[in-house]
Amino acid sequence: MRVSHIIAAGLVAAIASAALAQPMEMPGRRAGQWQMTMSGMGGEHPGMSMTMCVDPTTERSFSPFAGPYGHRGVAEQACSKREVHPVPGGWAFESVCPSQQGGMTATSGVVTGDFRTHIHMVVDTKGGRGDRHMVMDQTWLGPCPAGGGGRTITLPDGRTITIPPH
């Protein structure tokens, strides 16, 4: 399993789960350590599990509306569609944006949960690198380990990476 695919998938999941926090007053994740399990990522990577320590700064960083990791610069500004709306038990989102590979990528999904102990998300993406269907569950494990701060991701192989501050 390539580390870049793992990091990319983890960051996509983190971005998507934090994506709706600012414009619709949707709650961000509770600060602490979260177990993230993803399946249906396509290709040779059918799924994975990792942990991530988050704090309010991490949540803002991963928001595509306010954070540096979520913004895609000119591509973000060129999105022809960007919608978020409440649905029973959660939020639905949909976007159509330029792909890094050329063309457009359409993403839609639903995120549910209390954001304090559990989050469930289903995301469908069409375009870019092909069609993908991903299911992600996040479960709060407790406070971050001492020294973990709010900017670490522990990969499936046990390595820990620190998200640079922005």
Protein backbone atom coordinates (compact mmCIF):
# COMPACT_ATOMS: atom_id res chain seq x y z
CA MET A 1 0.00 0.00 0.00
CA ARG A 2 1.56 3.29 -1.07
CA VAL A 3 1.86 5.90 1.67
CA SER A 4 0.73 8.66 -0.72
CA HIS A 5 -2.56 6.83 -1.35
CA ILE A 6 -3.07 6.34 2.38
CA ILE A 7 -2.35 9.96 3.20
CA ALA A 8 -4.49 11.20 0.33
CA ALA A 9 -7.44 9.03 1.31
CA GLY A 10 -7.13 10.03 4.96
CA LEU A 11 -6.95 13.69 4.10
CA VAL A 12 -9.93 13.41 1.74
CA ALA A 13 -11.93 11.78 4.51
CA ALA A 14 -10.87 14.38 7.04
CA ILE A 15 -11.64 17.21 4.65
CA ALA A 16 -15.03 15.82 3.80
CA SER A 17 -16.01 15.27 7.41
CA ALA A 18 -14.98 18.80 8.35
CA ALA A 19 -16.20 20.36 5.11
CA LEU A 20 -19.54 21.58 6.24
CA ALA A 21 -18.64 23.18 9.55
CA GLN A 22 -18.46 26.84 8.61
CA PRO A 23 -21.22 27.88 6.19
CA MET A 24 -24.10 25.84 7.59
CA GLU A 25 -23.10 25.96 11.27
CA MET A 26 -22.58 22.22 11.17
CA PRO A 27 -20.65 20.94 14.18
CA GLY A 28 -17.01 20.03 13.81
CA ARG A 29 -15.58 16.86 15.25
CA ARG A 30 -15.02 16.68 18.98
CA ALA A 31 -11.38 17.32 19.89
CA GLY A 32 -9.42 14.14 20.57
CA GLN A 33 -8.35 10.93 18.87
CA TRP A 34 -10.61 9.51 16.15
CA GLN A 35 -10.45 6.09 14.50
CA MET A 36 -11.21 6.44 10.78
CA THR A 37 -12.22 3.38 8.77
CA MET A 38 -12.69 3.75 5.03
CA SER A 39 -13.88 1.22 2.48
CA GLY A 40 -14.61 1.20 -1.22
CA MET A 41 -11.72 3.44 -2.20
CA GLY A 42 -11.27 1.54 -5.45
CA GLY A 43 -8.30 0.04 -7.21
CA GLU A 44 -5.84 -1.96 -5.16
CA HIS A 45 -6.87 -0.16 -1.97
CA PRO A 46 -10.26 -1.58 -0.95
CA GLY A 47 -10.09 0.04 2.49
CA MET A 48 -8.01 1.06 5.45
CA SER A 49 -8.13 2.24 9.03
CA MET A 50 -6.09 4.96 10.72
CA THR A 51 -6.27 7.32 13.69
CA MET A 52 -6.17 11.09 13.69
CA CYS A 53 -5.89 13.54 16.57
CA VAL A 54 -7.94 16.66 15.96
CA ASP A 55 -8.42 19.98 17.69
CA PRO A 56 -10.40 23.06 16.63
CA THR A 57 -7.45 24.32 14.56
CA THR A 58 -7.25 21.02 12.69
CA GLU A 59 -10.97 21.19 11.93
CA ARG A 60 -10.61 24.70 10.49
CA SER A 61 -7.51 23.67 8.52
CA PHE A 62 -9.35 20.85 6.79
CA SER A 63 -12.45 22.85 5.94
CA PRO A 64 -12.62 23.53 2.20
CA PHE A 65 -14.39 26.79 3.03
CA ALA A 66 -11.75 28.20 5.37
CA GLY A 67 -8.65 26.03 5.66
CA PRO A 68 -5.44 25.79 3.64
CA TYR A 69 -5.72 22.02 3.11
CA GLY A 70 -9.24 22.28 1.76
CA HIS A 71 -8.68 25.12 -0.69
CA ARG A 72 -7.52 24.25 -4.17
CA GLY A 73 -6.80 27.81 -5.22
CA VAL A 74 -8.02 28.65 -8.71
CA ALA A 75 -9.64 25.21 -9.09
CA GLU A 76 -11.74 25.83 -5.96
CA GLN A 77 -12.91 29.18 -7.31
CA ALA A 78 -13.83 27.52 -10.61
CA CYS A 79 -16.31 25.08 -9.04
CA SER A 80 -19.56 25.32 -10.95
CA LYS A 81 -21.53 23.84 -8.06
CA ARG A 82 -20.98 23.80 -4.30
CA GLU A 83 -24.03 22.98 -2.20
CA VAL A 84 -24.58 21.89 1.39
CA HIS A 85 -27.96 21.33 2.99
CA PRO A 86 -29.42 19.58 6.03
CA VAL A 87 -31.11 16.20 5.64
CA PRO A 88 -32.78 14.06 8.32
CA GLY A 89 -30.03 13.04 10.73
CA GLY A 90 -27.21 14.91 9.00
CA TRP A 91 -26.04 16.88 6.00
CA ALA A 92 -25.82 16.34 2.24
CA PHE A 93 -23.20 17.93 0.02
CA GLU A 94 -22.55 18.19 -3.69
CA SER A 95 -19.85 19.85 -5.77
CA VAL A 96 -18.62 19.99 -9.34
CA CYS A 97 -15.04 21.22 -9.61
CA PRO A 98 -12.09 21.04 -12.00
CA SER A 99 -9.98 17.90 -11.61
CA GLN A 100 -6.21 17.95 -11.25
CA GLN A 101 -6.14 15.41 -14.09
CA GLY A 102 -8.22 17.68 -16.35
CA GLY A 103 -11.96 17.72 -16.83
CA MET A 104 -14.45 18.00 -14.01
CA THR A 105 -15.05 15.96 -10.86
CA ALA A 106 -18.53 15.65 -9.36
CA THR A 107 -18.75 14.70 -5.69
CA SER A 108 -21.87 14.04 -3.66
CA GLY A 109 -22.46 12.54 -0.27
CA VAL A 110 -24.24 12.41 3.03
CA VAL A 111 -22.68 12.72 6.47
CA THR A 112 -24.56 11.69 9.62
CA GLY A 113 -23.70 11.29 13.29
CA ASP A 114 -23.44 13.31 16.45
CA PHE A 115 -19.86 14.55 15.74
CA ARG A 116 -19.03 13.88 19.39
CA THR A 117 -18.72 10.09 19.31
CA HIS A 118 -19.47 8.93 15.76
CA ILE A 119 -19.62 10.13 12.16
CA HIS A 120 -20.76 8.09 9.14
CA MET A 121 -20.19 9.34 5.61
CA VAL A 122 -20.98 8.02 2.15
CA VAL A 123 -19.28 9.80 -0.77
CA ASP A 124 -19.61 9.22 -4.52
CA THR A 125 -17.11 10.79 -6.91
CA LYS A 126 -17.29 10.77 -10.70
CA GLY A 127 -14.54 11.98 -13.01
CA GLY A 128 -10.85 12.59 -12.47
CA ARG A 129 -9.50 9.10 -11.78
CA GLY A 130 -12.80 7.36 -12.46
CA ASP A 131 -15.91 6.71 -10.42
CA ARG A 132 -15.49 5.92 -6.73
CA HIS A 133 -17.85 5.05 -3.89
CA MET A 134 -16.41 5.42 -0.40
CA VAL A 135 -17.91 4.73 3.01
CA MET A 136 -16.18 6.19 6.03
CA ASP A 137 -16.86 5.77 9.72
CA GLN A 138 -15.17 7.76 12.43
CA THR A 139 -15.35 6.85 16.11
CA TRP A 140 -14.07 9.02 18.95
CA LEU A 141 -11.54 7.07 21.04
CA GLY A 142 -10.82 9.65 23.75
CA PRO A 143 -8.31 12.41 24.33
CA CYS A 144 -5.22 12.53 22.14
CA PRO A 145 -2.22 10.68 23.59
CA ALA A 146 0.22 12.86 25.50
CA GLY A 147 2.39 14.78 23.05
CA GLY A 148 0.08 13.92 20.15
CA GLY A 149 -1.41 17.36 19.87
CA GLY A 150 -4.18 17.98 17.41
CA ARG A 151 -2.27 17.52 14.17
CA THR A 152 -1.21 13.87 13.91
CA ILE A 153 -2.30 10.97 11.75
CA THR A 154 -1.21 7.43 12.57
CA LEU A 155 -1.09 5.35 9.39
CA PRO A 156 -2.06 1.66 9.19
CA ASP A 157 1.62 0.64 9.28
CA GLY A 158 2.08 2.45 12.61
CA ARG A 159 3.96 5.47 11.29
CA THR A 160 2.80 8.84 12.56
CA ILE A 161 2.84 11.98 10.47
CA THR A 162 2.35 15.52 11.69
CA ILE A 163 0.18 17.89 9.70
CA PRO A 164 2.15 21.13 9.21
CA PRO A 165 0.55 24.21 10.77
CA HIS A 166 -0.91 26.84 8.43
